[in-house]
Amino acid sequence: MTIVGVLHAIAAVLLGAAAVLILFRILRGPSILDRMVASDVLVSSVVLVLGVEMVVNHHVRTLPIVLALSGTAVLGSIAVARYVSKHDRVEVVDTEGVPGVEEMEERAEGKVE
């Protein structure tokens, strides 16, 4: 086995181990953001594997697949980010009569130096 074959085997083992750990994170969660980040990393790993395969076999036939996966990952991330931002809004609490709140609001607005 040549040094290139050894490097290919090492890359395959590392990418396989990464995929197993990523799948574990997708299944365990605990939140939707953890799962989304893990799925983005999994898509990135698949793109990496396809890129390595293109380099090793000296072709670009899988380039459209790589581009489609990358575009899908970006759109999926944007969709989840918008979903989470709509559902993670902080409720406005009535602070009238609470000591010190008016002063803090004025400082936040830049009225008090």
C-alpha atoms as a PDB file:
ATOM      1  CA  MET A   1       0.000   0.000   0.000  1.00  0.00           C
ATOM      2  CA  THR A   2       1.383   3.393  -0.973  1.00  0.00           C
ATOM      3  CA  ILE A   3       1.425   6.504   1.144  1.00  0.00           C
ATOM      4  CA  VAL A   4      -1.504   7.880  -0.876  1.00  0.00           C
ATOM      5  CA  GLY A   5      -3.528   4.759  -0.083  1.00  0.00           C
ATOM      6  CA  VAL A   6      -2.729   5.148   3.599  1.00  0.00           C
ATOM      7  CA  LEU A   7      -3.809   8.793   3.508  1.00  0.00           C
ATOM      8  CA  HIS A   8      -7.059   7.795   1.771  1.00  0.00           C
ATOM      9  CA  ALA A   9      -7.735   5.198   4.447  1.00  0.00           C
ATOM     10  CA  ILE A  10      -7.030   7.664   7.250  1.00  0.00           C
ATOM     11  CA  ALA A  11      -9.324  10.250   5.650  1.00  0.00           C
ATOM     12  CA  ALA A  12     -12.083   7.669   5.264  1.00  0.00           C
ATOM     13  CA  VAL A  13     -11.812   6.597   8.909  1.00  0.00           C
ATOM     14  CA  LEU A  14     -11.836  10.192  10.182  1.00  0.00           C
ATOM     15  CA  LEU A  15     -14.786  11.195   8.014  1.00  0.00           C
ATOM     16  CA  GLY A  16     -16.696   8.063   9.062  1.00  0.00           C
ATOM     17  CA  ALA A  17     -16.044   8.767  12.735  1.00  0.00           C
ATOM     18  CA  ALA A  18     -17.175  12.366  12.261  1.00  0.00           C
ATOM     19  CA  ALA A  19     -20.403  11.170  10.607  1.00  0.00           C
ATOM     20  CA  VAL A  20     -21.162   8.836  13.506  1.00  0.00           C
ATOM     21  CA  LEU A  21     -20.606  11.600  16.071  1.00  0.00           C
ATOM     22  CA  ILE A  22     -22.737  14.010  14.045  1.00  0.00           C
ATOM     23  CA  LEU A  23     -25.574  11.494  13.826  1.00  0.00           C
ATOM     24  CA  PHE A  24     -25.369  11.052  17.595  1.00  0.00           C
ATOM     25  CA  ARG A  25     -25.782  14.820  18.054  1.00  0.00           C
ATOM     26  CA  ILE A  26     -28.721  14.908  15.637  1.00  0.00           C
ATOM     27  CA  LEU A  27     -30.484  12.133  17.533  1.00  0.00           C
ATOM     28  CA  ARG A  28     -29.693  13.417  21.043  1.00  0.00           C
ATOM     29  CA  GLY A  29     -30.444  17.099  20.478  1.00  0.00           C
ATOM     30  CA  PRO A  30     -31.420  18.523  22.951  1.00  0.00           C
ATOM     31  CA  SER A  31     -32.693  21.582  21.059  1.00  0.00           C
ATOM     32  CA  ILE A  32     -33.685  22.230  17.472  1.00  0.00           C
ATOM     33  CA  LEU A  33     -30.636  24.469  17.076  1.00  0.00           C
ATOM     34  CA  ASP A  34     -28.294  21.656  18.135  1.00  0.00           C
ATOM     35  CA  ARG A  35     -29.910  19.374  15.600  1.00  0.00           C
ATOM     36  CA  MET A  36     -29.721  22.018  12.873  1.00  0.00           C
ATOM     37  CA  VAL A  37     -26.063  22.735  13.484  1.00  0.00           C
ATOM     38  CA  ALA A  38     -25.341  19.006  13.463  1.00  0.00           C
ATOM     39  CA  SER A  39     -27.242  18.527  10.214  1.00  0.00           C
ATOM     40  CA  ASP A  40     -25.293  21.423   8.663  1.00  0.00           C
ATOM     41  CA  VAL A  41     -22.061  19.785   9.738  1.00  0.00           C
ATOM     42  CA  LEU A  42     -23.269  16.463   8.312  1.00  0.00           C
ATOM     43  CA  VAL A  43     -24.050  18.093   4.954  1.00  0.00           C
ATOM     44  CA  SER A  44     -20.639  19.769   5.038  1.00  0.00           C
ATOM     45  CA  SER A  45     -19.040  16.388   5.707  1.00  0.00           C
ATOM     46  CA  VAL A  46     -20.884  14.838   2.772  1.00  0.00           C
ATOM     47  CA  VAL A  47     -19.742  17.718   0.555  1.00  0.00           C
ATOM     48  CA  LEU A  48     -16.198  17.137   1.816  1.00  0.00           C
ATOM     49  CA  VAL A  49     -16.411  13.426   1.034  1.00  0.00           C
ATOM     50  CA  LEU A  50     -17.664  14.173  -2.463  1.00  0.00           C
ATOM     51  CA  GLY A  51     -14.888  16.714  -2.935  1.00  0.00           C
ATOM     52  CA  VAL A  52     -12.247  14.222  -1.827  1.00  0.00           C
ATOM     53  CA  GLU A  53     -13.735  11.641  -4.190  1.00  0.00           C
ATOM     54  CA  MET A  54     -13.528  14.129  -7.075  1.00  0.00           C
ATOM     55  CA  VAL A  55      -9.891  14.871  -6.309  1.00  0.00           C
ATOM     56  CA  VAL A  56      -8.929  11.214  -5.942  1.00  0.00           C
ATOM     57  CA  ASN A  57     -10.650  10.105  -9.153  1.00  0.00           C
ATOM     58  CA  HIS A  58      -9.752  13.230 -11.176  1.00  0.00           C
ATOM     59  CA  HIS A  59     -13.256  14.246 -12.304  1.00  0.00           C
ATOM     60  CA  VAL A  60     -15.925  16.876 -11.670  1.00  0.00           C
ATOM     61  CA  ARG A  61     -19.038  14.803 -12.363  1.00  0.00           C
ATOM     62  CA  THR A  62     -20.371  15.186  -8.813  1.00  0.00           C
ATOM     63  CA  LEU A  63     -19.937  18.961  -8.730  1.00  0.00           C
ATOM     64  CA  PRO A  64     -23.677  19.632  -9.369  1.00  0.00           C
ATOM     65  CA  ILE A  65     -24.513  17.409  -6.404  1.00  0.00           C
ATOM     66  CA  VAL A  66     -22.081  19.339  -4.227  1.00  0.00           C
ATOM     67  CA  LEU A  67     -23.623  22.642  -5.295  1.00  0.00           C
ATOM     68  CA  ALA A  68     -27.174  21.396  -4.715  1.00  0.00           C
ATOM     69  CA  LEU A  69     -26.301  20.091  -1.247  1.00  0.00           C
ATOM     70  CA  SER A  70     -24.608  23.347  -0.319  1.00  0.00           C
ATOM     71  CA  GLY A  71     -27.554  25.424  -1.508  1.00  0.00           C
ATOM     72  CA  THR A  72     -30.019  23.225   0.330  1.00  0.00           C
ATOM     73  CA  ALA A  73     -27.980  23.506   3.532  1.00  0.00           C
ATOM     74  CA  VAL A  74     -27.922  27.296   3.312  1.00  0.00           C
ATOM     75  CA  LEU A  75     -31.659  27.546   2.689  1.00  0.00           C
ATOM     76  CA  GLY A  76     -32.384  25.085   5.499  1.00  0.00           C
ATOM     77  CA  SER A  77     -30.260  27.067   7.939  1.00  0.00           C
ATOM     78  CA  ILE A  78     -32.011  30.282   7.012  1.00  0.00           C
ATOM     79  CA  ALA A  79     -35.436  28.669   7.427  1.00  0.00           C
ATOM     80  CA  VAL A  80     -34.621  27.271  10.875  1.00  0.00           C
ATOM     81  CA  ALA A  81     -33.057  30.553  11.992  1.00  0.00           C
ATOM     82  CA  ARG A  82     -36.204  32.447  10.989  1.00  0.00           C
ATOM     83  CA  TYR A  83     -38.425  29.874  12.704  1.00  0.00           C
ATOM     84  CA  VAL A  84     -36.441  30.023  15.930  1.00  0.00           C
ATOM     85  CA  SER A  85     -36.262  33.817  15.911  1.00  0.00           C
ATOM     86  CA  LYS A  86     -40.059  34.051  15.635  1.00  0.00           C
ATOM     87  CA  HIS A  87     -40.598  31.660  18.550  1.00  0.00           C
ATOM     88  CA  ASP A  88     -37.847  32.969  20.836  1.00  0.00           C
ATOM     89  CA  ARG A  89     -39.120  36.505  21.242  1.00  0.00           C
ATOM     90  CA  VAL A  90     -38.832  37.949  24.727  1.00  0.00           C
ATOM     91  CA  GLU A  91     -42.087  39.013  26.324  1.00  0.00           C
ATOM     92  CA  VAL A  92     -42.363  42.665  27.271  1.00  0.00           C
ATOM     93  CA  VAL A  93     -42.992  42.974  30.987  1.00  0.00           C
ATOM     94  CA  ASP A  94     -44.781  45.923  32.535  1.00  0.00           C
ATOM     95  CA  THR A  95     -42.102  47.673  34.602  1.00  0.00           C
ATOM     96  CA  GLU A  96     -44.116  50.673  35.710  1.00  0.00           C
ATOM     97  CA  GLY A  97     -43.491  51.471  39.361  1.00  0.00           C
ATOM     98  CA  VAL A  98     -40.358  49.333  39.660  1.00  0.00           C
ATOM     99  CA  PRO A  99     -37.556  51.429  41.216  1.00  0.00           C
ATOM    100  CA  GLY A 100     -34.575  52.143  38.970  1.00  0.00           C
ATOM    101  CA  VAL A 101     -36.164  50.917  35.734  1.00  0.00           C
ATOM    102  CA  GLU A 102     -36.854  54.388  34.337  1.00  0.00           C
ATOM    103  CA  GLU A 103     -33.233  55.415  34.890  1.00  0.00           C
ATOM    104  CA  MET A 104     -31.970  52.265  33.153  1.00  0.00           C
ATOM    105  CA  GLU A 105     -34.290  52.876  30.190  1.00  0.00           C
ATOM    106  CA  GLU A 106     -33.060  56.467  29.896  1.00  0.00           C
ATOM    107  CA  ARG A 107     -29.450  55.305  29.947  1.00  0.00           C
ATOM    108  CA  ALA A 108     -30.217  52.697  27.272  1.00  0.00           C
ATOM    109  CA  GLU A 109     -31.793  55.390  25.095  1.00  0.00           C
ATOM    110  CA  GLY A 110     -28.812  57.712  25.667  1.00  0.00           C
ATOM    111  CA  LYS A 111     -30.741  60.443  27.517  1.00  0.00           C
ATOM    112  CA  VAL A 112     -28.634  60.232  30.699  1.00  0.00           C
ATOM    113  CA  GLU A 113     -24.872  60.549  30.597  1.00  0.00           C
END
